[in-house]
Amino acid sequence: MTGTILVQDLKLRCIIGILEEERRTPQELTVEFEMDYDIDEAARSTRIETAIDYAKAADLLSRFLQEASFELLETLVYRSIYFLHDHFPQAVRIQVKAAKPQALGGRGVPAVRAEQRFDQRSE
């Protein structure tokens, strides 16, 4: 059975943007991600070792994004997907959305969302 873990509204600060000011000062970022995986073993065993630990995933991704810098949201979500898959290879689909809530001064919230499916047979 395929299940999905979701982390929503993960708030952090990182270097994101192309403008000089954006390259100097970390900005608020809101990240959401989903990971699909086979939940059968986790559901039967109730052991966290058999599941994707959403707290660990959120901590790892937060640390990765805070230590890196990006010019485009597209690059950030792309690299986040592959970062998560490197740490959680049992995921068969990963979707990441990143938003810059302050970028438009309250007039709207720009965001980018991307998704990748992984063929488990080739891993």
N, C-alpha and C. Protein backbone atom coordinates (compact mmCIF):
# COMPACT_ATOMS: atom_id res chain seq x y z
N MET A 1 0.85 -1.18 0.00
CA MET A 1 0.00 0.00 0.00
C MET A 1 0.90 1.25 0.00
N THR A 2 0.58 2.16 -0.86
CA THR A 2 1.35 3.40 -0.91
C THR A 2 0.72 4.43 0.02
N GLY A 3 1.57 5.07 0.81
CA GLY A 3 1.14 6.14 1.70
C GLY A 3 1.97 7.38 1.43
N THR A 4 1.54 8.48 1.97
CA THR A 4 2.23 9.76 1.76
C THR A 4 2.46 10.44 3.09
N ILE A 5 3.71 10.86 3.33
CA ILE A 5 3.95 11.76 4.45
C ILE A 5 3.96 13.16 3.90
N LEU A 6 3.42 14.09 4.65
CA LEU A 6 3.36 15.49 4.24
C LEU A 6 3.91 16.35 5.38
N VAL A 7 4.73 17.30 5.02
CA VAL A 7 5.15 18.33 5.97
C VAL A 7 4.75 19.65 5.33
N GLN A 8 3.95 20.41 6.05
CA GLN A 8 3.45 21.68 5.53
C GLN A 8 3.93 22.83 6.40
N ASP A 9 4.08 23.97 5.76
CA ASP A 9 4.36 25.22 6.47
C ASP A 9 5.66 25.18 7.28
N LEU A 10 6.69 24.54 6.72
CA LEU A 10 8.01 24.50 7.36
C LEU A 10 8.68 25.85 7.12
N LYS A 11 8.91 26.59 8.17
CA LYS A 11 9.46 27.94 8.05
C LYS A 11 10.96 27.92 8.36
N LEU A 12 11.71 28.63 7.52
CA LEU A 12 13.14 28.76 7.73
C LEU A 12 13.64 30.00 7.01
N ARG A 13 14.91 30.29 7.19
CA ARG A 13 15.54 31.43 6.52
C ARG A 13 16.73 30.91 5.74
N CYS A 14 16.87 31.40 4.50
CA CYS A 14 18.02 31.01 3.69
C CYS A 14 18.31 32.11 2.66
N ILE A 15 19.46 31.97 2.05
CA ILE A 15 19.83 32.88 0.96
C ILE A 15 19.14 32.39 -0.30
N ILE A 16 18.21 33.20 -0.81
CA ILE A 16 17.46 32.85 -2.01
C ILE A 16 17.15 34.12 -2.79
N GLY A 17 17.60 34.17 -4.03
CA GLY A 17 17.28 35.32 -4.87
C GLY A 17 18.44 35.71 -5.75
N ILE A 18 18.16 36.63 -6.67
CA ILE A 18 19.17 37.08 -7.62
C ILE A 18 19.64 38.51 -7.36
N LEU A 19 18.87 39.27 -6.59
CA LEU A 19 19.25 40.65 -6.30
C LEU A 19 20.36 40.70 -5.26
N GLU A 20 21.18 41.73 -5.33
CA GLU A 20 22.32 41.85 -4.40
C GLU A 20 21.89 41.75 -2.94
N GLU A 21 20.83 42.45 -2.58
CA GLU A 21 20.33 42.40 -1.19
C GLU A 21 19.92 40.99 -0.81
N GLU A 22 19.28 40.27 -1.75
CA GLU A 22 18.85 38.90 -1.48
C GLU A 22 20.04 37.96 -1.29
N ARG A 23 21.15 38.27 -1.92
CA ARG A 23 22.35 37.43 -1.81
C ARG A 23 23.07 37.66 -0.49
N ARG A 24 22.79 38.77 0.18
CA ARG A 24 23.45 39.10 1.45
C ARG A 24 22.64 38.70 2.68
N THR A 25 21.33 38.80 2.59
CA THR A 25 20.48 38.65 3.77
C THR A 25 19.56 37.44 3.62
N PRO A 26 19.61 36.50 4.56
CA PRO A 26 18.67 35.37 4.48
C PRO A 26 17.23 35.87 4.51
N GLN A 27 16.40 35.20 3.72
CA GLN A 27 14.98 35.55 3.63
C GLN A 27 14.12 34.44 4.21
N GLU A 28 12.92 34.83 4.64
CA GLU A 28 11.96 33.84 5.11
C GLU A 28 11.50 32.99 3.94
N LEU A 29 11.42 31.71 4.19
CA LEU A 29 10.99 30.76 3.18
C LEU A 29 10.01 29.80 3.85
N THR A 30 8.98 29.43 3.12
CA THR A 30 8.04 28.42 3.60
C THR A 30 8.12 27.23 2.64
N VAL A 31 8.34 26.05 3.20
CA VAL A 31 8.54 24.85 2.40
C VAL A 31 7.50 23.81 2.78
N GLU A 32 7.01 23.11 1.78
CA GLU A 32 6.14 21.96 1.98
C GLU A 32 6.70 20.81 1.16
N PHE A 33 6.59 19.61 1.69
CA PHE A 33 7.00 18.46 0.88
C PHE A 33 6.13 17.25 1.17
N GLU A 34 6.08 16.38 0.16
CA GLU A 34 5.36 15.11 0.25
C GLU A 34 6.29 14.02 -0.24
N MET A 35 6.20 12.87 0.41
CA MET A 35 6.95 11.69 -0.04
C MET A 35 6.03 10.48 0.01
N ASP A 36 5.86 9.83 -1.14
CA ASP A 36 5.10 8.58 -1.22
C ASP A 36 6.05 7.41 -1.04
N TYR A 37 5.60 6.41 -0.31
CA TYR A 37 6.40 5.19 -0.15
C TYR A 37 5.48 4.05 0.28
N ASP A 38 5.99 2.84 0.22
CA ASP A 38 5.23 1.66 0.62
C ASP A 38 5.16 1.63 2.15
N ILE A 39 3.96 1.81 2.68
CA ILE A 39 3.81 1.92 4.14
C ILE A 39 3.47 0.59 4.81
N ASP A 40 3.39 -0.49 4.04
CA ASP A 40 2.97 -1.78 4.61
C ASP A 40 3.77 -2.18 5.84
N GLU A 41 5.08 -2.20 5.71
CA GLU A 41 5.90 -2.65 6.84
C GLU A 41 5.74 -1.74 8.05
N ALA A 42 5.74 -0.43 7.82
CA ALA A 42 5.59 0.52 8.93
C ALA A 42 4.23 0.35 9.61
N ALA A 43 3.19 0.15 8.82
CA ALA A 43 1.85 0.01 9.38
C ALA A 43 1.73 -1.26 10.22
N ARG A 44 2.39 -2.32 9.77
CA ARG A 44 2.31 -3.59 10.51
C ARG A 44 3.21 -3.60 11.74
N SER A 45 4.39 -3.00 11.65
CA SER A 45 5.37 -3.10 12.74
C SER A 45 5.23 -2.00 13.78
N THR A 46 4.74 -0.85 13.38
CA THR A 46 4.67 0.37 14.20
C THR A 46 6.04 0.81 14.72
N ARG A 47 7.10 0.46 14.00
CA ARG A 47 8.46 0.90 14.35
C ARG A 47 8.87 2.04 13.42
N ILE A 48 9.36 3.12 13.98
CA ILE A 48 9.75 4.29 13.19
C ILE A 48 10.84 3.95 12.18
N GLU A 49 11.65 2.96 12.48
CA GLU A 49 12.74 2.57 11.57
C GLU A 49 12.21 2.06 10.23
N THR A 50 10.96 1.62 10.19
CA THR A 50 10.38 1.10 8.95
C THR A 50 9.59 2.16 8.19
N ALA A 51 9.51 3.34 8.75
CA ALA A 51 8.75 4.44 8.14
C ALA A 51 9.71 5.53 7.69
N ILE A 52 9.18 6.50 6.97
CA ILE A 52 9.92 7.73 6.72
C ILE A 52 9.62 8.65 7.90
N ASP A 53 10.64 8.99 8.64
CA ASP A 53 10.51 9.83 9.83
C ASP A 53 10.37 11.28 9.38
N TYR A 54 9.15 11.82 9.47
CA TYR A 54 8.91 13.18 8.97
C TYR A 54 9.68 14.23 9.75
N ALA A 55 9.91 14.01 11.05
CA ALA A 55 10.68 14.98 11.83
C ALA A 55 12.14 15.01 11.36
N LYS A 56 12.69 13.83 11.12
CA LYS A 56 14.07 13.75 10.61
C LYS A 56 14.16 14.39 9.23
N ALA A 57 13.18 14.10 8.37
CA ALA A 57 13.17 14.68 7.03
C ALA A 57 13.10 16.20 7.09
N ALA A 58 12.25 16.74 7.95
CA ALA A 58 12.11 18.19 8.08
C ALA A 58 13.40 18.81 8.61
N ASP A 59 14.01 18.18 9.60
CA ASP A 59 15.26 18.70 10.16
C ASP A 59 16.39 18.67 9.14
N LEU A 60 16.53 17.55 8.42
CA LEU A 60 17.59 17.45 7.41
C LEU A 60 17.41 18.47 6.30
N LEU A 61 16.18 18.60 5.80
CA LEU A 61 15.94 19.55 4.72
C LEU A 61 16.14 20.99 5.20
N SER A 62 15.68 21.31 6.39
CA SER A 62 15.89 22.67 6.93
C SER A 62 17.37 23.00 7.01
N ARG A 63 18.13 22.09 7.54
CA ARG A 63 19.57 22.32 7.68
C ARG A 63 20.24 22.49 6.32
N PHE A 64 19.87 21.62 5.37
CA PHE A 64 20.41 21.71 4.01
C PHE A 64 20.12 23.08 3.39
N LEU A 65 18.89 23.53 3.48
CA LEU A 65 18.51 24.80 2.86
C LEU A 65 19.15 26.00 3.56
N GLN A 66 19.26 25.93 4.87
CA GLN A 66 19.86 27.05 5.61
C GLN A 66 21.36 27.16 5.36
N GLU A 67 22.01 26.07 5.04
CA GLU A 67 23.46 26.08 4.81
C GLU A 67 23.82 26.36 3.35
N ALA A 68 22.85 26.23 2.46
CA ALA A 68 23.09 26.45 1.03
C ALA A 68 22.61 27.85 0.64
N SER A 69 22.83 28.20 -0.61
CA SER A 69 22.25 29.43 -1.15
C SER A 69 21.78 29.15 -2.57
N PHE A 70 20.74 29.82 -2.97
CA PHE A 70 20.10 29.59 -4.26
C PHE A 70 19.74 30.92 -4.88
N GLU A 71 19.79 30.98 -6.19
CA GLU A 71 19.32 32.16 -6.89
C GLU A 71 17.85 32.04 -7.26
N LEU A 72 17.43 30.84 -7.63
CA LEU A 72 16.06 30.63 -8.09
C LEU A 72 15.32 29.62 -7.22
N LEU A 73 14.03 29.83 -7.03
CA LEU A 73 13.21 28.85 -6.33
C LEU A 73 13.20 27.52 -7.08
N GLU A 74 13.27 27.57 -8.40
CA GLU A 74 13.29 26.35 -9.20
C GLU A 74 14.48 25.46 -8.83
N THR A 75 15.65 26.09 -8.66
CA THR A 75 16.84 25.34 -8.27
C THR A 75 16.68 24.77 -6.87
N LEU A 76 16.12 25.56 -5.98
CA LEU A 76 15.93 25.13 -4.61
C LEU A 76 15.02 23.91 -4.53
N VAL A 77 13.89 23.91 -5.23
CA VAL A 77 13.00 22.75 -5.14
C VAL A 77 13.61 21.53 -5.83
N TYR A 78 14.28 21.74 -6.94
CA TYR A 78 14.93 20.64 -7.65
C TYR A 78 15.97 19.96 -6.76
N ARG A 79 16.85 20.74 -6.19
CA ARG A 79 17.89 20.18 -5.32
C ARG A 79 17.30 19.58 -4.05
N SER A 80 16.22 20.14 -3.54
CA SER A 80 15.56 19.60 -2.35
C SER A 80 14.99 18.21 -2.62
N ILE A 81 14.39 18.02 -3.78
CA ILE A 81 13.84 16.71 -4.13
C ILE A 81 14.93 15.65 -4.12
N TYR A 82 16.05 15.93 -4.77
CA TYR A 82 17.11 14.94 -4.84
C TYR A 82 17.83 14.77 -3.50
N PHE A 83 17.89 15.83 -2.72
CA PHE A 83 18.44 15.73 -1.36
C PHE A 83 17.58 14.77 -0.53
N LEU A 84 16.27 14.97 -0.55
CA LEU A 84 15.38 14.10 0.20
C LEU A 84 15.48 12.66 -0.29
N HIS A 85 15.55 12.47 -1.60
CA HIS A 85 15.63 11.10 -2.12
C HIS A 85 16.95 10.43 -1.73
N ASP A 86 18.03 11.18 -1.67
CA ASP A 86 19.30 10.62 -1.22
C ASP A 86 19.19 10.09 0.21
N HIS A 87 18.43 10.77 1.05
CA HIS A 87 18.28 10.38 2.45
C HIS A 87 17.14 9.38 2.68
N PHE A 88 16.17 9.38 1.78
CA PHE A 88 15.01 8.50 1.92
C PHE A 88 14.75 7.81 0.58
N PRO A 89 15.64 6.89 0.20
CA PRO A 89 15.53 6.27 -1.13
C PRO A 89 14.29 5.41 -1.33
N GLN A 90 13.59 5.08 -0.25
CA GLN A 90 12.36 4.30 -0.38
C GLN A 90 11.21 5.14 -0.94
N ALA A 91 11.37 6.45 -1.02
CA ALA A 91 10.33 7.32 -1.58
C ALA A 91 10.22 7.08 -3.08
N VAL A 92 9.00 6.84 -3.55
CA VAL A 92 8.77 6.61 -4.97
C VAL A 92 8.29 7.88 -5.68
N ARG A 93 7.89 8.87 -4.90
CA ARG A 93 7.50 10.17 -5.45
C ARG A 93 7.79 11.21 -4.39
N ILE A 94 8.40 12.30 -4.83
CA ILE A 94 8.66 13.42 -3.92
C ILE A 94 8.21 14.70 -4.59
N GLN A 95 7.48 15.50 -3.83
CA GLN A 95 7.04 16.81 -4.31
C GLN A 95 7.51 17.84 -3.28
N VAL A 96 8.06 18.94 -3.77
CA VAL A 96 8.50 20.02 -2.89
C VAL A 96 7.92 21.33 -3.43
N LYS A 97 7.44 22.15 -2.51
CA LYS A 97 6.96 23.49 -2.84
C LYS A 97 7.70 24.46 -1.93
N ALA A 98 8.22 25.54 -2.50
CA ALA A 98 8.89 26.58 -1.72
C ALA A 98 8.27 27.92 -2.08
N ALA A 99 8.03 28.74 -1.05
CA ALA A 99 7.40 30.04 -1.24
C ALA A 99 8.21 31.10 -0.51
N LYS A 100 8.25 32.30 -1.09
CA LYS A 100 8.90 33.47 -0.49
C LYS A 100 7.81 34.45 -0.06
N PRO A 101 7.31 34.32 1.17
CA PRO A 101 6.14 35.11 1.59
C PRO A 101 6.35 36.62 1.60
N GLN A 102 7.57 37.08 1.74
CA GLN A 102 7.82 38.53 1.82
C GLN A 102 8.23 39.15 0.48
N ALA A 103 8.45 38.34 -0.54
CA ALA A 103 9.06 38.82 -1.79
C ALA A 103 8.26 39.90 -2.50
N LEU A 104 6.95 39.86 -2.42
CA LEU A 104 6.12 40.84 -3.14
C LEU A 104 5.52 41.86 -2.21
N GLY A 105 6.07 41.99 -1.02
CA GLY A 105 5.61 43.01 -0.09
C GLY A 105 4.15 42.91 0.29
N GLY A 106 3.65 41.72 0.47
CA GLY A 106 2.26 41.54 0.89
C GLY A 106 1.25 41.50 -0.24
N ARG A 107 1.68 41.68 -1.48
CA ARG A 107 0.75 41.67 -2.62
C ARG A 107 0.45 40.27 -3.11
N GLY A 108 1.19 39.30 -2.64
CA GLY A 108 1.02 37.91 -3.07
C GLY A 108 2.22 37.10 -2.59
N VAL A 109 2.15 35.82 -2.79
CA VAL A 109 3.24 34.94 -2.35
C VAL A 109 3.72 34.11 -3.54
N PRO A 110 4.90 34.42 -4.07
CA PRO A 110 5.43 33.61 -5.16
C PRO A 110 5.93 32.26 -4.64
N ALA A 111 5.70 31.23 -5.43
CA ALA A 111 6.10 29.88 -5.03
C ALA A 111 6.40 29.05 -6.28
N VAL A 112 7.19 28.00 -6.07
CA VAL A 112 7.46 27.02 -7.12
C VAL A 112 7.24 25.64 -6.51
N ARG A 113 6.58 24.79 -7.28
CA ARG A 113 6.36 23.41 -6.85
C ARG A 113 6.86 22.49 -7.96
N ALA A 114 7.55 21.41 -7.57
CA ALA A 114 8.03 20.42 -8.54
C ALA A 114 7.85 19.03 -7.93
N GLU A 115 7.79 18.05 -8.79
CA GLU A 115 7.57 16.67 -8.37
C GLU A 115 8.44 15.75 -9.21
N GLN A 116 8.95 14.70 -8.58
CA GLN A 116 9.72 13.69 -9.31
C GLN A 116 9.27 12.32 -8.84
N ARG A 117 9.07 11.42 -9.80
CA ARG A 117 8.79 10.01 -9.49
C ARG A 117 10.08 9.24 -9.69
N PHE A 118 10.28 8.24 -8.83
CA PHE A 118 11.48 7.43 -8.87
C PHE A 118 11.10 5.99 -9.13
N ASP A 119 11.77 5.38 -10.09
CA ASP A 119 11.54 3.98 -10.43
C ASP A 119 12.39 3.12 -9.49
N GLN A 120 11.74 2.42 -8.58
CA GLN A 120 12.47 1.64 -7.57
C GLN A 120 13.24 0.49 -8.18
N ARG A 121 12.85 0.01 -9.34
CA ARG A 121 13.54 -1.13 -9.96
C ARG A 121 14.95 -0.75 -10.41
N SER A 122 15.15 0.54 -10.72
CA SER A 122 16.47 0.95 -11.23
C SER A 122 17.40 1.42 -10.14
N GLU A 123 16.96 1.38 -8.89
CA GLU A 123 17.77 1.89 -7.78
C GLU A 123 18.66 0.79 -7.23
